[in-house]
Structures are given as C-alpha cells and as structure tokens.
Amino acid sequence: MTATIARTEQHRRAQRLLSEAGDTYAADAGIKPADKPAPLWQLLVLSNLVSTRIKAAVAVAGARKLFAAGGRTPHGMAELTWQQRVDALGRGHYVRYDEGTATRLGECADLARDRYHGDLRNLAREADEQRDRVEDLLTEFPGIGPTGARIFCREAQDVWPFLRPVFDKKAQEGAARIGLPTAPERLAELADGDLAPFAAALVRAALDRDLAERVAGS
C-alpha cells in the first residue's frame, strides 16, 4: 500500500510539474519538432547556444534572432555573414560569447552541409541510431561538447524515439529536488509519453528553487 501511495504521489507531482513548466526549450525558441532537416538543424543551433555558460532564456532569445535573420537551415546560416550572426545574437542579448559563437555556427553550418548534406537525419543513420554514437558525432560540431550533445538528445527524444529515455544529470537533479526517482526508466514512466517536455521541466526544477518547492509542497 505504501508503495502504491508513493507512486501515486510521484505521478501527481510529475503532472503538476509538466503543467507548470512543461514547454521544451525548443518550443520556447519557436522550433516545431519534426524529423526533418530544418528543425533538427535549429535544435543543433539551440543546443550550441544553451550549452554555453549563459542563462537559458538568453540562449533561447539568441536562437530566435538567428532564425529570424535567416539561419533556419545550414545553408541559411552559412549565407549570413559573421557580422550578421554577431548582430543577431546581440539582438537576443547573447553578447558575452557572441563573436566566438558566430564563428562556430558558421563552421557548424559548413560541417552539416559537407558531411550530412544539410540533413542531420544522415547523422542518425551514420550512428546506426545508437545514442552514444549520436552524441559522439554531435560533439564533432564546433561548440557542441558532451553537455550540448546531451541537450540535443534530451530535446530530440520525442522526434527520434531510439534516443529514449534521455534524462541527463541536470534533469535527474531536478527529479531529486521534487522527490521523484532519478532512474531514467522510472522517469519515463511518469512522463506519460511526454518525455522531452518532462525532461525540460525537470531541468527547470533543478534551476528554479521556487518552482521545485511549489511542486514538492503542493
């Protein structure tokens, strides 16, 4: 009986968290998730920006401005001049790392076009749809380290089901903070199919003490 009650409470907390903070970072950036070249590229750009030591909201704003400037595809990003990328990042207040990031995004666009023909689905095929291999290949993009690769996989898992479940260290930290189990398989059960939104919500719980306290104490 105790275990049943505990699981019921865990599920209730998970649903409360989803209702309060269940938008993915991709959704915040205006990315419509799909197994298509443009949104996958946009997710790579967002992962590049979010993985830098800067607030997620600023990274999201920077991504939006880059997309609005024409960087929605590898070709579009490559067509932007370095200064246009810097200016777009500046309009999103992504100013601390704007110059280096502008350079890296151009290099990412070149790699995406030259190696994957502008389509990151080819990366998944090259990786034989193995998550570890996907992460390894992602880290070959300038500016994408292990953290950025995990962010990409966390956000892409509802588009690429072979990645599931992806609840990285930060998501597990959020789970612990609100009294949920940290095992990825158990968290996947609590997500009721919304794995990417739930993972993003857990990350927010890790970063926002007030949110975590509201969910844990409700």
Protein backbone atom coordinates (compact mmCIF):
# COMPACT_ATOMS: atom_id res chain seq x y z
CA MET A 1 0.00 0.00 0.00
CA THR A 2 2.79 2.42 0.90
CA ALA A 3 4.48 1.83 -2.45
CA THR A 4 1.18 2.42 -4.26
CA ILE A 5 0.64 5.69 -2.43
CA ALA A 6 4.21 6.78 -3.17
CA ARG A 7 3.82 6.08 -6.87
CA THR A 8 0.51 7.93 -6.97
CA GLU A 9 2.12 10.95 -5.33
CA GLN A 10 5.08 10.78 -7.70
CA HIS A 11 2.76 10.76 -10.69
CA ARG A 12 0.80 13.70 -9.31
CA ARG A 13 4.00 15.72 -8.82
CA ALA A 14 5.17 14.84 -12.30
CA GLN A 15 1.92 16.05 -13.82
CA ARG A 16 1.97 19.23 -11.73
CA LEU A 17 5.50 19.95 -12.93
CA LEU A 18 4.51 19.32 -16.54
CA SER A 19 1.56 21.68 -16.24
CA GLU A 20 3.75 24.47 -14.80
CA ALA A 21 6.98 24.06 -16.74
CA GLY A 22 6.48 21.52 -19.49
CA ASP A 23 7.46 23.57 -22.54
CA THR A 24 10.63 22.32 -24.17
CA TYR A 25 13.43 24.77 -24.79
CA ALA A 26 12.91 24.07 -28.49
CA ALA A 27 9.30 25.23 -28.24
CA ASP A 28 10.44 28.39 -26.44
CA ALA A 29 12.77 29.06 -29.38
CA GLY A 30 9.94 28.65 -31.88
CA ILE A 31 11.15 25.30 -33.18
CA LYS A 32 8.42 22.93 -34.32
CA PRO A 33 9.83 19.45 -33.57
CA ALA A 34 9.85 17.15 -36.57
CA ASP A 35 12.12 14.55 -38.13
CA LYS A 36 13.03 17.00 -40.89
CA PRO A 37 16.24 18.81 -41.82
CA ALA A 38 15.30 22.37 -40.78
CA PRO A 39 14.01 21.72 -37.24
CA LEU A 40 16.84 19.30 -36.49
CA TRP A 41 19.37 21.94 -37.57
CA GLN A 42 17.58 24.55 -35.45
CA LEU A 43 17.79 22.21 -32.47
CA LEU A 44 21.53 21.86 -33.04
CA VAL A 45 21.89 25.66 -33.06
CA LEU A 46 19.85 25.94 -29.87
CA SER A 47 21.90 23.21 -28.17
CA ASN A 48 25.06 25.07 -29.15
CA LEU A 49 23.79 28.26 -27.52
CA VAL A 50 22.24 26.69 -24.41
CA SER A 51 25.35 24.68 -23.56
CA THR A 52 27.38 27.88 -23.07
CA ARG A 53 27.62 29.34 -19.56
CA ILE A 54 24.72 31.70 -20.10
CA LYS A 55 21.09 31.79 -18.98
CA ALA A 56 18.81 29.50 -20.97
CA ALA A 57 16.35 32.33 -21.65
CA VAL A 58 19.13 34.39 -23.25
CA ALA A 59 20.23 31.41 -25.35
CA VAL A 60 16.64 30.87 -26.50
CA ALA A 61 16.33 34.55 -27.42
CA GLY A 62 19.60 34.38 -29.34
CA ALA A 63 18.38 31.36 -31.28
CA ARG A 64 15.13 33.12 -32.18
CA LYS A 65 17.03 36.12 -33.53
CA LEU A 66 19.37 33.92 -35.58
CA PHE A 67 16.42 32.09 -37.10
CA ALA A 68 14.64 35.36 -37.86
CA ALA A 69 17.81 36.60 -39.59
CA GLY A 70 17.76 33.61 -41.92
CA GLY A 71 19.71 30.94 -40.06
CA ARG A 72 16.93 28.36 -40.01
CA THR A 73 18.89 25.93 -42.20
CA PRO A 74 22.58 25.16 -42.59
CA HIS A 75 22.53 26.94 -45.95
CA GLY A 76 20.81 29.97 -44.45
CA MET A 77 23.28 30.13 -41.57
CA ALA A 78 26.22 29.85 -43.97
CA GLU A 79 24.81 32.64 -46.12
CA LEU A 80 24.76 35.02 -43.15
CA THR A 81 27.96 36.97 -42.74
CA TRP A 82 29.88 36.68 -39.50
CA GLN A 83 28.77 40.20 -38.58
CA GLN A 84 25.13 39.36 -39.29
CA ARG A 85 25.37 36.45 -36.90
CA VAL A 86 27.01 38.63 -34.25
CA ASP A 87 24.31 41.26 -34.70
CA ALA A 88 21.50 38.70 -34.44
CA LEU A 89 22.97 37.28 -31.24
CA GLY A 90 23.30 40.82 -29.90
CA ARG A 91 19.62 41.49 -30.55
CA GLY A 92 18.91 38.48 -28.34
CA HIS A 93 21.27 39.90 -25.69
CA TYR A 94 23.59 36.95 -26.25
CA VAL A 95 26.58 39.24 -26.05
CA ARG A 96 29.20 37.63 -23.83
CA TYR A 97 30.06 34.86 -26.29
CA ASP A 98 28.65 36.37 -29.47
CA GLU A 99 31.80 36.63 -31.59
CA GLY A 100 33.14 33.13 -30.93
CA THR A 101 29.66 31.65 -31.25
CA ALA A 102 29.12 33.40 -34.58
CA THR A 103 32.30 31.79 -35.87
CA ARG A 104 31.39 28.34 -34.57
CA LEU A 105 27.89 28.46 -36.04
CA GLY A 106 29.36 29.14 -39.46
CA GLU A 107 31.67 26.17 -39.02
CA CYS A 108 28.72 24.03 -37.88
CA ALA A 109 26.80 25.01 -41.00
CA ASP A 110 29.73 24.01 -43.19
CA LEU A 111 30.05 20.64 -41.45
CA ALA A 112 26.31 19.98 -41.66
CA ARG A 113 26.34 20.69 -45.39
CA ASP A 114 29.59 18.98 -46.30
CA ARG A 115 29.23 15.80 -44.26
CA TYR A 116 25.48 15.39 -43.83
CA HIS A 117 24.18 17.22 -46.91
CA GLY A 118 22.31 19.65 -44.66
CA ASP A 119 20.25 16.87 -43.09
CA LEU A 120 21.02 15.60 -39.59
CA ARG A 121 18.94 12.52 -40.23
CA ASN A 122 22.05 11.36 -42.05
CA LEU A 123 23.93 11.71 -38.76
CA ALA A 124 21.41 9.39 -37.11
CA ARG A 125 21.89 6.89 -39.93
CA GLU A 126 25.67 7.08 -39.67
CA ALA A 127 25.31 6.43 -35.94
CA ASP A 128 23.11 3.38 -36.62
CA GLU A 129 20.55 5.08 -34.35
CA GLN A 130 22.73 4.39 -31.31
CA ARG A 131 22.50 7.20 -28.77
CA ASP A 132 26.11 7.01 -27.62
CA ARG A 133 27.26 7.22 -31.21
CA VAL A 134 24.87 10.07 -31.95
CA GLU A 135 26.37 12.01 -29.03
CA ASP A 136 29.89 11.29 -30.27
CA LEU A 137 29.08 12.59 -33.75
CA LEU A 138 27.36 15.68 -32.36
CA THR A 139 30.49 16.61 -30.42
CA GLU A 140 32.32 16.93 -33.74
CA PHE A 141 30.37 20.14 -34.35
CA PRO A 142 32.30 23.19 -33.09
CA GLY A 143 30.83 24.40 -29.80
CA ILE A 144 28.99 21.15 -29.09
CA GLY A 145 30.61 19.29 -26.23
CA PRO A 146 29.15 16.43 -24.19
CA THR A 147 26.72 18.82 -22.48
CA GLY A 148 25.46 20.21 -25.78
CA ALA A 149 25.11 16.71 -27.23
CA ARG A 150 23.02 15.62 -24.25
CA ILE A 151 20.84 18.72 -24.56
CA PHE A 152 20.22 17.89 -28.22
CA CYS A 153 19.29 14.31 -27.39
CA ARG A 154 17.12 15.38 -24.46
CA GLU A 155 15.14 17.72 -26.67
CA ALA A 156 15.09 15.42 -29.71
CA GLN A 157 13.94 12.23 -27.99
CA ASP A 158 10.28 12.66 -28.97
CA VAL A 159 11.36 13.09 -32.61
CA TRP A 160 13.96 10.32 -32.54
CA PRO A 161 12.40 7.65 -30.29
CA PHE A 162 15.52 5.50 -30.49
CA LEU A 163 17.19 8.00 -28.13
CA ARG A 164 14.72 7.40 -25.29
CA PRO A 165 14.82 7.78 -22.38
CA VAL A 166 17.06 10.83 -22.05
CA PHE A 167 17.09 12.33 -18.56
CA ASP A 168 20.54 13.79 -18.13
CA LYS A 169 22.31 14.79 -14.94
CA LYS A 170 20.53 18.15 -14.68
CA ALA A 171 17.11 16.55 -15.21
CA GLN A 172 17.90 13.93 -12.58
CA GLU A 173 18.93 16.71 -10.20
CA GLY A 174 15.52 18.31 -10.70
CA ALA A 175 13.80 14.99 -10.12
CA ALA A 176 15.60 14.52 -6.82
CA ARG A 177 14.73 18.07 -5.78
CA ILE A 178 10.98 17.39 -6.06
CA GLY A 179 11.11 13.92 -4.54
CA LEU A 180 10.95 11.84 -7.71
CA PRO A 181 13.09 8.83 -8.59
CA THR A 182 16.14 9.62 -10.69
CA ALA A 183 16.35 6.43 -12.78
CA PRO A 184 15.65 7.39 -16.43
CA GLU A 185 13.37 4.39 -16.96
CA ARG A 186 11.21 5.33 -13.97
CA LEU A 187 11.06 8.97 -15.03
CA ALA A 188 9.94 7.85 -18.48
CA GLU A 189 7.02 6.02 -16.86
CA LEU A 190 5.99 9.17 -15.01
CA ALA A 191 6.15 11.27 -18.19
CA ASP A 192 3.10 9.58 -19.74
CA GLY A 193 4.72 9.79 -23.17
CA ASP A 194 5.81 13.44 -22.90
CA LEU A 195 9.48 12.64 -22.39
CA ALA A 196 11.07 15.75 -23.90
CA PRO A 197 8.70 18.20 -22.14
CA PHE A 198 9.09 16.33 -18.85
CA ALA A 199 12.88 16.32 -19.13
CA ALA A 200 12.87 20.07 -19.82
CA ALA A 201 10.55 20.64 -16.86
CA LEU A 202 12.88 18.69 -14.59
CA VAL A 203 15.80 20.83 -15.74
CA ARG A 204 13.78 23.92 -14.83
CA ALA A 205 13.08 22.41 -11.40
CA ALA A 206 16.82 21.97 -10.94
CA LEU A 207 17.44 25.61 -11.85
CA ASP A 208 14.43 27.20 -10.13
CA ARG A 209 14.18 26.51 -6.40
CA ASP A 210 10.80 28.24 -6.10
CA LEU A 211 9.32 26.01 -8.81
CA ALA A 212 10.72 22.90 -7.17
CA GLU A 213 9.35 23.89 -3.78
CA ARG A 214 5.89 24.61 -5.18
CA VAL A 215 5.71 21.23 -6.90
CA ALA A 216 7.17 19.28 -3.98
CA GLY A 217 4.97 21.02 -1.42
CA SER A 218 1.72 21.10 -3.35
